[in-house]
C-alpha atoms as a PDB file:
ATOM      1  CA  MET A   1      46.458  -8.126  -1.937  1.00  0.00           C
ATOM      2  CA  GLY A   2      44.815 -11.518  -2.322  1.00  0.00           C
ATOM      3  CA  ASP A   3      41.968 -12.112  -4.738  1.00  0.00           C
ATOM      4  CA  PHE A   4      39.487 -12.468  -1.859  1.00  0.00           C
ATOM      5  CA  MET A   5      40.674  -9.140  -0.389  1.00  0.00           C
ATOM      6  CA  LYS A   6      39.980  -7.401  -3.720  1.00  0.00           C
ATOM      7  CA  LYS A   7      36.470  -8.862  -3.777  1.00  0.00           C
ATOM      8  CA  ILE A   8      35.862  -7.791  -0.169  1.00  0.00           C
ATOM      9  CA  CYS A   9      37.001  -4.249  -1.029  1.00  0.00           C
ATOM     10  CA  ILE A  10      34.664  -4.166  -4.054  1.00  0.00           C
ATOM     11  CA  TYR A  11      31.669  -5.379  -1.981  1.00  0.00           C
ATOM     12  CA  SER A  12      32.561  -2.869   0.702  1.00  0.00           C
ATOM     13  CA  LEU A  13      32.788   0.011  -1.765  1.00  0.00           C
ATOM     14  CA  ILE A  14      29.486  -0.912  -3.433  1.00  0.00           C
ATOM     15  CA  PHE A  15      27.733  -1.091  -0.054  1.00  0.00           C
ATOM     16  CA  LEU A  16      29.334   2.171   1.107  1.00  0.00           C
ATOM     17  CA  LEU A  17      28.179   3.953  -2.072  1.00  0.00           C
ATOM     18  CA  LEU A  18      24.637   2.573  -1.753  1.00  0.00           C
ATOM     19  CA  ASP A  19      24.499   3.742   1.876  1.00  0.00           C
ATOM     20  CA  GLN A  20      25.833   7.220   1.103  1.00  0.00           C
ATOM     21  CA  ILE A  21      23.603   7.752  -1.953  1.00  0.00           C
ATOM     22  CA  VAL A  22      20.458   6.848  -0.029  1.00  0.00           C
ATOM     23  CA  LYS A  23      21.519   9.021   2.936  1.00  0.00           C
ATOM     24  CA  PHE A  24      22.129  11.910   0.528  1.00  0.00           C
ATOM     25  CA  LEU A  25      18.652  11.486  -0.956  1.00  0.00           C
ATOM     26  CA  VAL A  26      17.008  11.251   2.474  1.00  0.00           C
ATOM     27  CA  SER A  27      18.787  14.329   3.827  1.00  0.00           C
ATOM     28  CA  ASN A  28      17.933  16.359   0.724  1.00  0.00           C
ATOM     29  CA  TYR A  29      14.318  15.286   0.156  1.00  0.00           C
ATOM     30  CA  ILE A  30      12.957  14.572   3.649  1.00  0.00           C
ATOM     31  CA  GLY A  31      12.922  17.263   6.301  1.00  0.00           C
ATOM     32  CA  LEU A  32      14.715  16.624   9.589  1.00  0.00           C
ATOM     33  CA  GLY A  33      12.210  14.897  11.880  1.00  0.00           C
ATOM     34  CA  GLU A  34       9.752  14.390   9.017  1.00  0.00           C
ATOM     35  CA  SER A  35       8.227  10.948   8.577  1.00  0.00           C
ATOM     36  CA  ILE A  36       6.872   9.515   5.334  1.00  0.00           C
ATOM     37  CA  ALA A  37       4.631   6.464   5.650  1.00  0.00           C
ATOM     38  CA  ILE A  38       5.629   3.736   3.216  1.00  0.00           C
ATOM     39  CA  ILE A  39       3.293   1.207   4.859  1.00  0.00           C
ATOM     40  CA  PRO A  40       1.096   3.231   7.272  1.00  0.00           C
ATOM     41  CA  SER A  41       1.401   2.301  10.958  1.00  0.00           C
ATOM     42  CA  PHE A  42       4.256  -0.127  10.163  1.00  0.00           C
ATOM     43  CA  PHE A  43       7.100   1.150   7.937  1.00  0.00           C
ATOM     44  CA  HIS A  44       8.162   4.788   7.548  1.00  0.00           C
ATOM     45  CA  PHE A  45      11.115   6.815   6.328  1.00  0.00           C
ATOM     46  CA  THR A  46      11.842   9.154   9.227  1.00  0.00           C
ATOM     47  CA  TYR A  47      14.884  11.416   8.909  1.00  0.00           C
ATOM     48  CA  VAL A  48      16.856  11.716  12.150  1.00  0.00           C
ATOM     49  CA  GLN A  49      20.408  12.684  12.987  1.00  0.00           C
ATOM     50  CA  ASN A  50      21.959  10.282  15.490  1.00  0.00           C
ATOM     51  CA  THR A  51      25.028  11.457  17.419  1.00  0.00           C
ATOM     52  CA  GLY A  52      25.235   8.108  19.214  1.00  0.00           C
ATOM     53  CA  ALA A  53      25.456   4.453  18.288  1.00  0.00           C
ATOM     54  CA  ALA A  54      22.603   1.919  18.083  1.00  0.00           C
ATOM     55  CA  TRP A  55      19.539   3.008  20.085  1.00  0.00           C
ATOM     56  CA  SER A  56      21.356   6.354  20.541  1.00  0.00           C
ATOM     57  CA  ILE A  57      23.649   4.886  23.208  1.00  0.00           C
ATOM     58  CA  LEU A  58      26.805   6.919  23.763  1.00  0.00           C
ATOM     59  CA  GLU A  59      24.983   9.939  22.361  1.00  0.00           C
ATOM     60  CA  GLY A  60      27.291  12.878  21.789  1.00  0.00           C
ATOM     61  CA  ASN A  61      30.468  10.751  21.942  1.00  0.00           C
ATOM     62  CA  THR A  62      31.385  11.205  18.285  1.00  0.00           C
ATOM     63  CA  VAL A  63      35.165  11.094  18.809  1.00  0.00           C
ATOM     64  CA  PHE A  64      34.906   7.844  20.784  1.00  0.00           C
ATOM     65  CA  LEU A  65      32.611   6.332  18.136  1.00  0.00           C
ATOM     66  CA  ILE A  66      35.056   7.328  15.368  1.00  0.00           C
ATOM     67  CA  PHE A  67      37.854   5.625  17.313  1.00  0.00           C
ATOM     68  CA  ALA A  68      35.631   2.567  17.870  1.00  0.00           C
ATOM     69  CA  SER A  69      34.935   2.389  14.105  1.00  0.00           C
ATOM     70  CA  PHE A  70      38.643   2.456  13.257  1.00  0.00           C
ATOM     71  CA  SER A  71      39.223  -0.208  15.923  1.00  0.00           C
ATOM     72  CA  ALA A  72      36.475  -2.388  14.422  1.00  0.00           C
ATOM     73  CA  ILE A  73      38.032  -2.023  10.958  1.00  0.00           C
ATOM     74  CA  GLY A  74      41.391  -3.058  12.418  1.00  0.00           C
ATOM     75  CA  LEU A  75      39.820  -6.064  14.112  1.00  0.00           C
ATOM     76  CA  VAL A  76      38.118  -7.174  10.889  1.00  0.00           C
ATOM     77  CA  TYR A  77      41.427  -6.809   9.029  1.00  0.00           C
ATOM     78  CA  TYR A  78      43.161  -8.898  11.706  1.00  0.00           C
ATOM     79  CA  PHE A  79      40.604 -11.702  11.266  1.00  0.00           C
ATOM     80  CA  LEU A  80      41.019 -11.524   7.496  1.00  0.00           C
ATOM     81  CA  LEU A  81      44.800 -11.886   7.801  1.00  0.00           C
ATOM     82  CA  LYS A  82      44.411 -14.910  10.091  1.00  0.00           C
ATOM     83  CA  ASP A  83      41.946 -16.672   7.815  1.00  0.00           C
ATOM     84  CA  LYS A  84      43.670 -18.554   5.022  1.00  0.00           C
ATOM     85  CA  LYS A  85      40.558 -19.832   3.247  1.00  0.00           C
ATOM     86  CA  ILE A  86      37.515 -17.602   2.915  1.00  0.00           C
ATOM     87  CA  GLU A  87      34.211 -18.908   1.589  1.00  0.00           C
ATOM     88  CA  LYS A  88      32.372 -16.826  -1.048  1.00  0.00           C
ATOM     89  CA  ILE A  89      29.577 -15.959   1.399  1.00  0.00           C
ATOM     90  CA  GLU A  90      32.208 -14.712   3.864  1.00  0.00           C
ATOM     91  CA  GLU A  91      33.583 -12.352   1.219  1.00  0.00           C
ATOM     92  CA  VAL A  92      30.114 -10.820   1.006  1.00  0.00           C
ATOM     93  CA  GLY A  93      29.771 -10.796   4.809  1.00  0.00           C
ATOM     94  CA  TYR A  94      33.107  -9.064   5.358  1.00  0.00           C
ATOM     95  CA  GLY A  95      32.397  -6.668   2.485  1.00  0.00           C
ATOM     96  CA  ILE A  96      29.023  -5.471   3.720  1.00  0.00           C
ATOM     97  CA  LEU A  97      30.265  -5.370   7.327  1.00  0.00           C
ATOM     98  CA  LEU A  98      33.149  -3.094   6.331  1.00  0.00           C
ATOM     99  CA  GLY A  99      30.899  -1.084   4.009  1.00  0.00           C
ATOM    100  CA  GLY A 100      28.467  -0.539   6.881  1.00  0.00           C
ATOM    101  CA  ILE A 101      31.195   0.490   9.317  1.00  0.00           C
ATOM    102  CA  LEU A 102      32.614   2.873   6.717  1.00  0.00           C
ATOM    103  CA  GLY A 103      29.170   4.295   5.879  1.00  0.00           C
ATOM    104  CA  ASN A 104      28.528   5.382   9.441  1.00  0.00           C
ATOM    105  CA  LEU A 105      32.170   6.441   9.901  1.00  0.00           C
ATOM    106  CA  VAL A 106      31.960   8.797   6.893  1.00  0.00           C
ATOM    107  CA  ASP A 107      28.848  10.405   8.411  1.00  0.00           C
ATOM    108  CA  ARG A 108      30.494  10.841  11.809  1.00  0.00           C
ATOM    109  CA  ILE A 109      33.687  12.334  10.382  1.00  0.00           C
ATOM    110  CA  PHE A 110      32.075  14.722   7.869  1.00  0.00           C
ATOM    111  CA  LEU A 111      28.739  15.497   9.561  1.00  0.00           C
ATOM    112  CA  GLY A 112      29.286  14.818  13.268  1.00  0.00           C
ATOM    113  CA  TYR A 113      26.229  12.529  13.295  1.00  0.00           C
ATOM    114  CA  VAL A 114      24.814   9.530  11.444  1.00  0.00           C
ATOM    115  CA  ILE A 115      21.828   9.890   9.129  1.00  0.00           C
ATOM    116  CA  ASP A 116      19.145   7.364  10.110  1.00  0.00           C
ATOM    117  CA  PHE A 117      15.815   6.934   8.330  1.00  0.00           C
ATOM    118  CA  ILE A 118      14.440   3.358   8.391  1.00  0.00           C
ATOM    119  CA  HIS A 119      11.645   3.293  10.949  1.00  0.00           C
ATOM    120  CA  PHE A 120       9.444   0.346  11.917  1.00  0.00           C
ATOM    121  CA  ILE A 121       6.392   0.602  14.167  1.00  0.00           C
ATOM    122  CA  PHE A 122       4.878  -2.436  15.880  1.00  0.00           C
ATOM    123  CA  GLY A 123       1.647  -1.345  17.573  1.00  0.00           C
ATOM    124  CA  SER A 124       2.693   1.090  20.292  1.00  0.00           C
ATOM    125  CA  TYR A 125       6.388   0.092  20.031  1.00  0.00           C
ATOM    126  CA  GLN A 126       8.613   2.122  17.732  1.00  0.00           C
ATOM    127  CA  PHE A 127      11.825   0.341  16.793  1.00  0.00           C
ATOM    128  CA  PRO A 128      14.812   2.727  16.848  1.00  0.00           C
ATOM    129  CA  VAL A 129      15.417   4.427  13.507  1.00  0.00           C
ATOM    130  CA  PHE A 130      18.391   2.979  11.622  1.00  0.00           C
ATOM    131  CA  ASN A 131      20.045   3.041   8.183  1.00  0.00           C
ATOM    132  CA  ILE A 132      21.494   0.866   5.420  1.00  0.00           C
ATOM    133  CA  ALA A 133      24.957   0.878   7.009  1.00  0.00           C
ATOM    134  CA  ASP A 134      23.448  -0.600  10.175  1.00  0.00           C
ATOM    135  CA  ILE A 135      21.852  -3.355   8.086  1.00  0.00           C
ATOM    136  CA  GLY A 136      25.267  -4.162   6.594  1.00  0.00           C
ATOM    137  CA  ILE A 137      26.877  -4.294  10.025  1.00  0.00           C
ATOM    138  CA  VAL A 138      24.215  -6.655  11.385  1.00  0.00           C
ATOM    139  CA  ILE A 139      23.963  -8.944   8.350  1.00  0.00           C
ATOM    140  CA  GLY A 140      27.737  -9.014   7.767  1.00  0.00           C
ATOM    141  CA  THR A 141      28.380  -9.893  11.416  1.00  0.00           C
ATOM    142  CA  PHE A 142      25.669 -12.563  11.308  1.00  0.00           C
ATOM    143  CA  ILE A 143      27.199 -14.202   8.211  1.00  0.00           C
ATOM    144  CA  ILE A 144      30.710 -14.236   9.676  1.00  0.00           C
ATOM    145  CA  VAL A 145      29.616 -15.537  13.083  1.00  0.00           C
ATOM    146  CA  PHE A 146      27.358 -18.154  11.459  1.00  0.00           C
ATOM    147  CA  ILE A 147      30.284 -19.496   9.382  1.00  0.00           C
ATOM    148  CA  MET A 148      32.534 -19.579  12.470  1.00  0.00           C
ATOM    149  CA  ILE A 149      29.924 -21.470  14.498  1.00  0.00           C
ATOM    150  CA  LYS A 150      29.252 -23.848  11.604  1.00  0.00           C
ATOM    151  CA  GLU A 151      32.957 -24.631  11.364  1.00  0.00           C
ATOM    152  CA  ASP A 152      33.224 -25.256  15.098  1.00  0.00           C
ATOM    153  CA  PHE A 153      30.295 -27.693  14.992  1.00  0.00           C
ATOM    154  CA  CYS A 154      31.471 -29.396  11.801  1.00  0.00           C
ATOM    155  CA  GLY A 155      35.074 -29.588  12.933  1.00  0.00           C
ATOM    156  CA  ASN A 156      36.419 -27.751   9.873  1.00  0.00           C
ATOM    157  CA  LYS A 157      39.789 -26.557  11.155  1.00  0.00           C
ATOM    158  CA  ASP A 158      41.682 -26.663   7.834  1.00  0.00           C
ATOM    159  CA  ARG A 159      41.202 -22.935   7.210  1.00  0.00           C
ATOM    160  CA  LYS A 160      44.076 -21.818   9.377  1.00  0.00           C
END
């Protein structure tokens, strides 16, 4: 395993542990459906159990979502094998992306649902409740895509 792969695994494990520890605390100290205002009328911790994906799409399709998670991990691994030179920021991006995928995958396999709790309210609009794993998936994907786009615009093709 290359040095960059070891670093990606470490980042992934750290992010996975952070996600699972916070989910454990939420599920043990906040009642299901209970909401605690951190910043009233804006930011709350609201404990929900999501059997779907983002915005509860594909609700109740746990087996499909488990398969999709394994497929996403395989796809990330494929991109890592193709890439011969990984920037430091990409190591972090891949690590938190994989940690996020694994965080939600662990929930789906062992609980049958994902623990969500981060809840933003903007006036009358309530953003769907999400979790730390979701943050890792979004930020990790953003970092990786940003680097790919930057390389396309800058003409940096020496990575492959």
